[in-house]
Amino acid sequence: MRAAPAAAPADAQVRASASALREQARIEVMPVAPADADAQLPRRQWLERIRARRAEGDLDSARASLERFVQTYPEARIPRDLRPLLGN
């Protein structure tokens, strides 16, 4: 009786790839913090997004985003209506 032929190297690669994909699917993706998402916007849109967060009542995210804005653009003048979020 003959032994079954050995699996071809390509078959082994496919099985390894499938296994890796299954493992990757199990990894939970971490949510992006609002300030990180806002930081991807151009300056004016970023400030508008901070205003929108404030208007929605999400003061913590608005404050965090504005603090990140100040860190990213220390030379920028903070609009008067947003200054209270900084608490200075």
PDB file of N, CA and C in Angstrom:
ATOM      1  N   MET A   1       0.838  -1.173   0.000  1.00  0.00           N
ATOM      2  CA  MET A   1       0.000   0.000   0.000  1.00  0.00           C
ATOM      3  C   MET A   1       0.887   1.241   0.000  1.00  0.00           C
ATOM      4  N   ARG A   2       0.549   2.161  -0.813  1.00  0.00           N
ATOM      5  CA  ARG A   2       1.350   3.376  -0.937  1.00  0.00           C
ATOM      6  C   ARG A   2       0.857   4.442   0.037  1.00  0.00           C
ATOM      7  N   ALA A   3       1.798   5.248   0.511  1.00  0.00           N
ATOM      8  CA  ALA A   3       1.448   6.365   1.389  1.00  0.00           C
ATOM      9  C   ALA A   3       0.868   7.491   0.546  1.00  0.00           C
ATOM     10  N   ALA A   4       0.045   8.272   1.159  1.00  0.00           N
ATOM     11  CA  ALA A   4      -0.535   9.417   0.454  1.00  0.00           C
ATOM     12  C   ALA A   4       0.587  10.361   0.059  1.00  0.00           C
ATOM     13  N   PRO A   5       0.465  10.989  -1.084  1.00  0.00           N
ATOM     14  CA  PRO A   5       1.518  11.912  -1.509  1.00  0.00           C
ATOM     15  C   PRO A   5       1.628  13.077  -0.525  1.00  0.00           C
ATOM     16  N   ALA A   6       2.826  13.540  -0.344  1.00  0.00           N
ATOM     17  CA  ALA A   6       3.068  14.672   0.559  1.00  0.00           C
ATOM     18  C   ALA A   6       2.386  15.913   0.001  1.00  0.00           C
ATOM     19  N   ALA A   7       1.907  16.734   0.902  1.00  0.00           N
ATOM     20  CA  ALA A   7       1.244  17.973   0.477  1.00  0.00           C
ATOM     21  C   ALA A   7       2.252  18.863  -0.228  1.00  0.00           C
ATOM     22  N   ALA A   8       1.816  19.462  -1.263  1.00  0.00           N
ATOM     23  CA  ALA A   8       2.679  20.365  -2.015  1.00  0.00           C
ATOM     24  C   ALA A   8       2.981  21.596  -1.171  1.00  0.00           C
ATOM     25  N   PRO A   9       4.150  22.201  -1.346  1.00  0.00           N
ATOM     26  CA  PRO A   9       4.484  23.399  -0.574  1.00  0.00           C
ATOM     27  C   PRO A   9       3.432  24.498  -0.712  1.00  0.00           C
ATOM     28  N   ALA A  10       2.834  24.620  -1.879  1.00  0.00           N
ATOM     29  CA  ALA A  10       1.810  25.654  -2.071  1.00  0.00           C
ATOM     30  C   ALA A  10       0.613  25.394  -1.161  1.00  0.00           C
ATOM     31  N   ASP A  11       0.240  24.110  -0.994  1.00  0.00           N
ATOM     32  CA  ASP A  11      -0.874  23.775  -0.107  1.00  0.00           C
ATOM     33  C   ASP A  11      -0.559  24.180   1.329  1.00  0.00           C
ATOM     34  N   ALA A  12       0.662  23.955   1.746  1.00  0.00           N
ATOM     35  CA  ALA A  12       1.069  24.320   3.101  1.00  0.00           C
ATOM     36  C   ALA A  12       1.005  25.835   3.281  1.00  0.00           C
ATOM     37  N   GLN A  13       1.390  26.577   2.263  1.00  0.00           N
ATOM     38  CA  GLN A  13       1.336  28.035   2.344  1.00  0.00           C
ATOM     39  C   GLN A  13      -0.105  28.526   2.437  1.00  0.00           C
ATOM     40  N   VAL A  14      -0.987  27.892   1.683  1.00  0.00           N
ATOM     41  CA  VAL A  14      -2.398  28.278   1.716  1.00  0.00           C
ATOM     42  C   VAL A  14      -2.968  28.014   3.101  1.00  0.00           C
ATOM     43  N   ARG A  15      -2.644  26.845   3.674  1.00  0.00           N
ATOM     44  CA  ARG A  15      -3.140  26.531   5.014  1.00  0.00           C
ATOM     45  C   ARG A  15      -2.586  27.509   6.039  1.00  0.00           C
ATOM     46  N   ALA A  16      -1.317  27.855   5.925  1.00  0.00           N
ATOM     47  CA  ALA A  16      -0.705  28.803   6.855  1.00  0.00           C
ATOM     48  C   ALA A  16      -1.346  30.184   6.709  1.00  0.00           C
ATOM     49  N   SER A  17      -1.603  30.590   5.474  1.00  0.00           N
ATOM     50  CA  SER A  17      -2.235  31.891   5.244  1.00  0.00           C
ATOM     51  C   SER A  17      -3.648  31.914   5.807  1.00  0.00           C
ATOM     52  N   ALA A  18      -4.382  30.842   5.601  1.00  0.00           N
ATOM     53  CA  ALA A  18      -5.748  30.765   6.116  1.00  0.00           C
ATOM     54  C   ALA A  18      -5.739  30.817   7.638  1.00  0.00           C
ATOM     55  N   SER A  19      -4.780  30.127   8.237  1.00  0.00           N
ATOM     56  CA  SER A  19      -4.665  30.144   9.691  1.00  0.00           C
ATOM     57  C   SER A  19      -4.343  31.551  10.191  1.00  0.00           C
ATOM     58  N   ALA A  20      -3.447  32.221   9.509  1.00  0.00           N
ATOM     59  CA  ALA A  20      -3.078  33.588   9.897  1.00  0.00           C
ATOM     60  C   ALA A  20      -4.271  34.528   9.760  1.00  0.00           C
ATOM     61  N   LEU A  21      -5.058  34.362   8.713  1.00  0.00           N
ATOM     62  CA  LEU A  21      -6.239  35.207   8.523  1.00  0.00           C
ATOM     63  C   LEU A  21      -7.272  34.967   9.621  1.00  0.00           C
ATOM     64  N   ARG A  22      -7.451  33.711  10.006  1.00  0.00           N
ATOM     65  CA  ARG A  22      -8.395  33.421  11.096  1.00  0.00           C
ATOM     66  C   ARG A  22      -7.925  34.071  12.390  1.00  0.00           C
ATOM     67  N   GLU A  23      -6.634  33.995  12.650  1.00  0.00           N
ATOM     68  CA  GLU A  23      -6.085  34.607  13.865  1.00  0.00           C
ATOM     69  C   GLU A  23      -6.252  36.119  13.825  1.00  0.00           C
ATOM     70  N   GLN A  24      -5.992  36.708  12.691  1.00  0.00           N
ATOM     71  CA  GLN A  24      -6.127  38.155  12.552  1.00  0.00           C
ATOM     72  C   GLN A  24      -7.578  38.579  12.759  1.00  0.00           C
ATOM     73  N   ALA A  25      -8.508  37.772  12.299  1.00  0.00           N
ATOM     74  CA  ALA A  25      -9.926  38.096  12.456  1.00  0.00           C
ATOM     75  C   ALA A  25     -10.328  38.094  13.922  1.00  0.00           C
ATOM     76  N   ARG A  26      -9.616  37.348  14.738  1.00  0.00           N
ATOM     77  CA  ARG A  26      -9.928  37.298  16.169  1.00  0.00           C
ATOM     78  C   ARG A  26      -9.422  38.520  16.922  1.00  0.00           C
ATOM     79  N   ILE A  27      -8.464  39.202  16.339  1.00  0.00           N
ATOM     80  CA  ILE A  27      -7.889  40.371  17.004  1.00  0.00           C
ATOM     81  C   ILE A  27      -8.897  41.508  16.940  1.00  0.00           C
ATOM     82  N   GLU A  28      -9.202  42.055  18.088  1.00  0.00           N
ATOM     83  CA  GLU A  28     -10.160  43.155  18.149  1.00  0.00           C
ATOM     84  C   GLU A  28      -9.446  44.461  17.820  1.00  0.00           C
ATOM     85  N   VAL A  29     -10.046  45.229  16.957  1.00  0.00           N
ATOM     86  CA  VAL A  29      -9.473  46.509  16.568  1.00  0.00           C
ATOM     87  C   VAL A  29      -9.812  47.540  17.636  1.00  0.00           C
ATOM     88  N   MET A  30      -8.807  48.265  18.065  1.00  0.00           N
ATOM     89  CA  MET A  30      -9.014  49.296  19.072  1.00  0.00           C
ATOM     90  C   MET A  30      -9.689  50.497  18.421  1.00  0.00           C
ATOM     91  N   PRO A  31     -10.698  51.052  19.083  1.00  0.00           N
ATOM     92  CA  PRO A  31     -11.344  52.236  18.513  1.00  0.00           C
ATOM     93  C   PRO A  31     -10.389  53.429  18.525  1.00  0.00           C
ATOM     94  N   VAL A  32     -10.586  54.307  17.580  1.00  0.00           N
ATOM     95  CA  VAL A  32      -9.753  55.505  17.480  1.00  0.00           C
ATOM     96  C   VAL A  32     -10.345  56.574  18.394  1.00  0.00           C
ATOM     97  N   ALA A  33      -9.500  57.204  19.180  1.00  0.00           N
ATOM     98  CA  ALA A  33      -9.961  58.275  20.061  1.00  0.00           C
ATOM     99  C   ALA A  33     -10.458  59.443  19.212  1.00  0.00           C
ATOM    100  N   PRO A  34     -11.499  60.133  19.688  1.00  0.00           N
ATOM    101  CA  PRO A  34     -12.027  61.261  18.912  1.00  0.00           C
ATOM    102  C   PRO A  34     -10.960  62.292  18.541  1.00  0.00           C
ATOM    103  N   ALA A  35     -10.069  62.598  19.471  1.00  0.00           N
ATOM    104  CA  ALA A  35      -9.027  63.593  19.173  1.00  0.00           C
ATOM    105  C   ALA A  35      -8.105  63.099  18.065  1.00  0.00           C
ATOM    106  N   ASP A  36      -7.843  61.797  18.033  1.00  0.00           N
ATOM    107  CA  ASP A  36      -6.998  61.244  16.972  1.00  0.00           C
ATOM    108  C   ASP A  36      -7.692  61.341  15.619  1.00  0.00           C
ATOM    109  N   ALA A  37      -8.985  61.065  15.610  1.00  0.00           N
ATOM    110  CA  ALA A  37      -9.747  61.169  14.361  1.00  0.00           C
ATOM    111  C   ALA A  37      -9.807  62.624  13.902  1.00  0.00           C
ATOM    112  N   ASP A  38     -10.056  63.527  14.840  1.00  0.00           N
ATOM    113  CA  ASP A  38     -10.141  64.949  14.493  1.00  0.00           C
ATOM    114  C   ASP A  38      -8.813  65.467  13.956  1.00  0.00           C
ATOM    115  N   ALA A  39      -7.714  64.944  14.467  1.00  0.00           N
ATOM    116  CA  ALA A  39      -6.382  65.410  14.074  1.00  0.00           C
ATOM    117  C   ALA A  39      -6.082  65.140  12.601  1.00  0.00           C
ATOM    118  N   GLN A  40      -6.874  64.295  11.975  1.00  0.00           N
ATOM    119  CA  GLN A  40      -6.679  64.005  10.553  1.00  0.00           C
ATOM    120  C   GLN A  40      -7.308  65.073   9.661  1.00  0.00           C
ATOM    121  N   LEU A  41      -8.113  65.937  10.251  1.00  0.00           N
ATOM    122  CA  LEU A  41      -8.817  66.966   9.490  1.00  0.00           C
ATOM    123  C   LEU A  41      -7.933  68.199   9.275  1.00  0.00           C
ATOM    124  N   PRO A  42      -8.220  68.971   8.228  1.00  0.00           N
ATOM    125  CA  PRO A  42      -7.558  70.278   8.091  1.00  0.00           C
ATOM    126  C   PRO A  42      -7.945  71.169   9.275  1.00  0.00           C
ATOM    127  N   ARG A  43      -7.140  72.163   9.560  1.00  0.00           N
ATOM    128  CA  ARG A  43      -7.337  73.004  10.755  1.00  0.00           C
ATOM    129  C   ARG A  43      -8.759  73.522  10.928  1.00  0.00           C
ATOM    130  N   ARG A  44      -9.289  74.152   9.913  1.00  0.00           N
ATOM    131  CA  ARG A  44     -10.629  74.754  10.051  1.00  0.00           C
ATOM    132  C   ARG A  44     -11.695  73.701  10.302  1.00  0.00           C
ATOM    133  N   GLN A  45     -11.600  72.597   9.595  1.00  0.00           N
ATOM    134  CA  GLN A  45     -12.575  71.526   9.813  1.00  0.00           C
ATOM    135  C   GLN A  45     -12.420  70.930  11.209  1.00  0.00           C
ATOM    136  N   TRP A  46     -11.189  70.855  11.676  1.00  0.00           N
ATOM    137  CA  TRP A  46     -10.930  70.338  13.017  1.00  0.00           C
ATOM    138  C   TRP A  46     -11.631  71.223  14.054  1.00  0.00           C
ATOM    139  N   LEU A  47     -11.470  72.530  13.915  1.00  0.00           N
ATOM    140  CA  LEU A  47     -12.123  73.449  14.850  1.00  0.00           C
ATOM    141  C   LEU A  47     -13.644  73.336  14.766  1.00  0.00           C
ATOM    142  N   GLU A  48     -14.167  73.154  13.562  1.00  0.00           N
ATOM    143  CA  GLU A  48     -15.615  72.974  13.412  1.00  0.00           C
ATOM    144  C   GLU A  48     -16.068  71.671  14.073  1.00  0.00           C
ATOM    145  N   ARG A  49     -15.248  70.644  13.981  1.00  0.00           N
ATOM    146  CA  ARG A  49     -15.592  69.365  14.618  1.00  0.00           C
ATOM    147  C   ARG A  49     -15.592  69.515  16.137  1.00  0.00           C
ATOM    148  N   ILE A  50     -14.668  70.296  16.662  1.00  0.00           N
ATOM    149  CA  ILE A  50     -14.650  70.567  18.108  1.00  0.00           C
ATOM    150  C   ILE A  50     -15.941  71.282  18.502  1.00  0.00           C
ATOM    151  N   ARG A  51     -16.336  72.251  17.705  1.00  0.00           N
ATOM    152  CA  ARG A  51     -17.594  72.961  17.978  1.00  0.00           C
ATOM    153  C   ARG A  51     -18.785  72.004  17.935  1.00  0.00           C
ATOM    154  N   ALA A  52     -18.774  71.109  16.969  1.00  0.00           N
ATOM    155  CA  ALA A  52     -19.871  70.141  16.849  1.00  0.00           C
ATOM    156  C   ALA A  52     -19.909  69.222  18.067  1.00  0.00           C
ATOM    157  N   ARG A  53     -18.754  68.766  18.510  1.00  0.00           N
ATOM    158  CA  ARG A  53     -18.714  67.911  19.705  1.00  0.00           C
ATOM    159  C   ARG A  53     -19.260  68.665  20.915  1.00  0.00           C
ATOM    160  N   ARG A  54     -18.868  69.921  21.043  1.00  0.00           N
ATOM    161  CA  ARG A  54     -19.363  70.741  22.155  1.00  0.00           C
ATOM    162  C   ARG A  54     -20.878  70.903  22.062  1.00  0.00           C
ATOM    163  N   ALA A  55     -21.380  71.184  20.871  1.00  0.00           N
ATOM    164  CA  ALA A  55     -22.823  71.368  20.672  1.00  0.00           C
ATOM    165  C   ALA A  55     -23.600  70.083  20.966  1.00  0.00           C
ATOM    166  N   GLU A  56     -22.978  68.940  20.697  1.00  0.00           N
ATOM    167  CA  GLU A  56     -23.612  67.644  20.970  1.00  0.00           C
ATOM    168  C   GLU A  56     -23.554  67.287  22.452  1.00  0.00           C
ATOM    169  N   GLY A  57     -22.854  68.109  23.232  1.00  0.00           N
ATOM    170  CA  GLY A  57     -22.734  67.844  24.661  1.00  0.00           C
ATOM    171  C   GLY A  57     -21.575  66.937  25.024  1.00  0.00           C
ATOM    172  N   ASP A  58     -20.743  66.615  24.055  1.00  0.00           N
ATOM    173  CA  ASP A  58     -19.581  65.755  24.300  1.00  0.00           C
ATOM    174  C   ASP A  58     -18.389  66.636  24.673  1.00  0.00           C
ATOM    175  N   LEU A  59     -18.478  67.232  25.854  1.00  0.00           N
ATOM    176  CA  LEU A  59     -17.466  68.201  26.273  1.00  0.00           C
ATOM    177  C   LEU A  59     -16.099  67.571  26.498  1.00  0.00           C
ATOM    178  N   ASP A  60     -16.065  66.347  27.000  1.00  0.00           N
ATOM    179  CA  ASP A  60     -14.769  65.697  27.228  1.00  0.00           C
ATOM    180  C   ASP A  60     -14.010  65.504  25.913  1.00  0.00           C
ATOM    181  N   SER A  61     -14.715  65.035  24.892  1.00  0.00           N
ATOM    182  CA  SER A  61     -14.067  64.840  23.588  1.00  0.00           C
ATOM    183  C   SER A  61     -13.706  66.175  22.949  1.00  0.00           C
ATOM    184  N   ALA A  62     -14.578  67.160  23.097  1.00  0.00           N
ATOM    185  CA  ALA A  62     -14.286  68.487  22.547  1.00  0.00           C
ATOM    186  C   ALA A  62     -13.041  69.062  23.201  1.00  0.00           C
ATOM    187  N   ARG A  63     -12.963  68.936  24.515  1.00  0.00           N
ATOM    188  CA  ARG A  63     -11.808  69.454  25.259  1.00  0.00           C
ATOM    189  C   ARG A  63     -10.532  68.709  24.861  1.00  0.00           C
ATOM    190  N   ALA A  64     -10.609  67.387  24.796  1.00  0.00           N
ATOM    191  CA  ALA A  64      -9.431  66.590  24.429  1.00  0.00           C
ATOM    192  C   ALA A  64      -8.965  66.926  23.017  1.00  0.00           C
ATOM    193  N   SER A  65      -9.914  67.112  22.127  1.00  0.00           N
ATOM    194  CA  SER A  65      -9.562  67.441  20.752  1.00  0.00           C
ATOM    195  C   SER A  65      -8.920  68.823  20.668  1.00  0.00           C
ATOM    196  N   LEU A  66      -9.457  69.777  21.413  1.00  0.00           N
ATOM    197  CA  LEU A  66      -8.878  71.123  21.398  1.00  0.00           C
ATOM    198  C   LEU A  66      -7.477  71.114  22.013  1.00  0.00           C
ATOM    199  N   GLU A  67      -7.290  70.352  23.066  1.00  0.00           N
ATOM    200  CA  GLU A  67      -5.951  70.248  23.662  1.00  0.00           C
ATOM    201  C   GLU A  67      -4.969  69.650  22.656  1.00  0.00           C
ATOM    202  N   ARG A  68      -5.425  68.657  21.913  1.00  0.00           N
ATOM    203  CA  ARG A  68      -4.580  68.052  20.877  1.00  0.00           C
ATOM    204  C   ARG A  68      -4.292  69.073  19.774  1.00  0.00           C
ATOM    205  N   PHE A  69      -5.292  69.877  19.429  1.00  0.00           N
ATOM    206  CA  PHE A  69      -5.113  70.929  18.421  1.00  0.00           C
ATOM    207  C   PHE A  69      -4.015  71.894  18.864  1.00  0.00           C
ATOM    208  N   VAL A  70      -4.061  72.303  20.123  1.00  0.00           N
ATOM    209  CA  VAL A  70      -3.064  73.240  20.659  1.00  0.00           C
ATOM    210  C   VAL A  70      -1.671  72.612  20.632  1.00  0.00           C
ATOM    211  N   GLN A  71      -1.577  71.330  20.936  1.00  0.00           N
ATOM    212  CA  GLN A  71      -0.278  70.644  20.884  1.00  0.00           C
ATOM    213  C   GLN A  71       0.243  70.573  19.450  1.00  0.00           C
ATOM    214  N   THR A  72      -0.667  70.332  18.522  1.00  0.00           N
ATOM    215  CA  THR A  72      -0.277  70.186  17.120  1.00  0.00           C
ATOM    216  C   THR A  72       0.060  71.526  16.480  1.00  0.00           C
ATOM    217  N   TYR A  73      -0.708  72.547  16.834  1.00  0.00           N
ATOM    218  CA  TYR A  73      -0.528  73.883  16.258  1.00  0.00           C
ATOM    219  C   TYR A  73      -0.345  74.915  17.376  1.00  0.00           C
ATOM    220  N   PRO A  74       0.791  74.883  18.065  1.00  0.00           N
ATOM    221  CA  PRO A  74       0.983  75.805  19.195  1.00  0.00           C
ATOM    222  C   PRO A  74       0.957  77.279  18.784  1.00  0.00           C
ATOM    223  N   GLU A  75       1.229  77.551  17.526  1.00  0.00           N
ATOM    224  CA  GLU A  75       1.239  78.939  17.056  1.00  0.00           C
ATOM    225  C   GLU A  75      -0.155  79.439  16.684  1.00  0.00           C
ATOM    226  N   ALA A  76      -1.115  78.539  16.613  1.00  0.00           N
ATOM    227  CA  ALA A  76      -2.461  78.921  16.167  1.00  0.00           C
ATOM    228  C   ALA A  76      -3.200  79.713  17.243  1.00  0.00           C
ATOM    229  N   ARG A  77      -3.948  80.678  16.797  1.00  0.00           N
ATOM    230  CA  ARG A  77      -4.801  81.456  17.693  1.00  0.00           C
ATOM    231  C   ARG A  77      -6.084  80.658  17.913  1.00  0.00           C
ATOM    232  N   ILE A  78      -6.419  80.431  19.158  1.00  0.00           N
ATOM    233  CA  ILE A  78      -7.625  79.663  19.482  1.00  0.00           C
ATOM    234  C   ILE A  78      -8.829  80.603  19.395  1.00  0.00           C
ATOM    235  N   PRO A  79      -9.840  80.210  18.636  1.00  0.00           N
ATOM    236  CA  PRO A  79     -11.024  81.063  18.526  1.00  0.00           C
ATOM    237  C   PRO A  79     -11.633  81.346  19.905  1.00  0.00           C
ATOM    238  N   ARG A  80     -12.111  82.544  20.052  1.00  0.00           N
ATOM    239  CA  ARG A  80     -12.638  83.002  21.334  1.00  0.00           C
ATOM    240  C   ARG A  80     -13.718  82.073  21.892  1.00  0.00           C
ATOM    241  N   ASP A  81     -14.584  81.568  21.015  1.00  0.00           N
ATOM    242  CA  ASP A  81     -15.686  80.732  21.497  1.00  0.00           C
ATOM    243  C   ASP A  81     -15.222  79.369  22.013  1.00  0.00           C
ATOM    244  N   LEU A  82     -14.021  78.953  21.645  1.00  0.00           N
ATOM    245  CA  LEU A  82     -13.516  77.653  22.104  1.00  0.00           C
ATOM    246  C   LEU A  82     -12.602  77.762  23.324  1.00  0.00           C
ATOM    247  N   ARG A  83     -12.146  78.942  23.629  1.00  0.00           N
ATOM    248  CA  ARG A  83     -11.203  79.124  24.742  1.00  0.00           C
ATOM    249  C   ARG A  83     -11.716  78.593  26.081  1.00  0.00           C
ATOM    250  N   PRO A  84     -13.011  78.722  26.395  1.00  0.00           N
ATOM    251  CA  PRO A  84     -13.479  78.188  27.683  1.00  0.00           C
ATOM    252  C   PRO A  84     -13.243  76.680  27.851  1.00  0.00           C
ATOM    253  N   LEU A  85     -13.140  75.955  26.755  1.00  0.00           N
ATOM    254  CA  LEU A  85     -12.874  74.519  26.854  1.00  0.00           C
ATOM    255  C   LEU A  85     -11.496  74.238  27.451  1.00  0.00           C
ATOM    256  N   LEU A  86     -10.578  75.171  27.275  1.00  0.00           N
ATOM    257  CA  LEU A  86      -9.222  74.977  27.791  1.00  0.00           C
ATOM    258  C   LEU A  86      -9.132  75.260  29.283  1.00  0.00           C
ATOM    259  N   GLY A  87     -10.077  76.009  29.797  1.00  0.00           N
ATOM    260  CA  GLY A  87     -10.105  76.277  31.226  1.00  0.00           C
ATOM    261  C   GLY A  87      -8.982  77.160  31.723  1.00  0.00           C
ATOM    262  N   ASN A  88      -8.336  77.894  30.849  1.00  0.00           N
ATOM    263  CA  ASN A  88      -7.234  78.782  31.272  1.00  0.00           C
ATOM    264  C   ASN A  88      -7.775  80.118  31.665  1.00  0.00           C
TER     265      ASN A  88
END
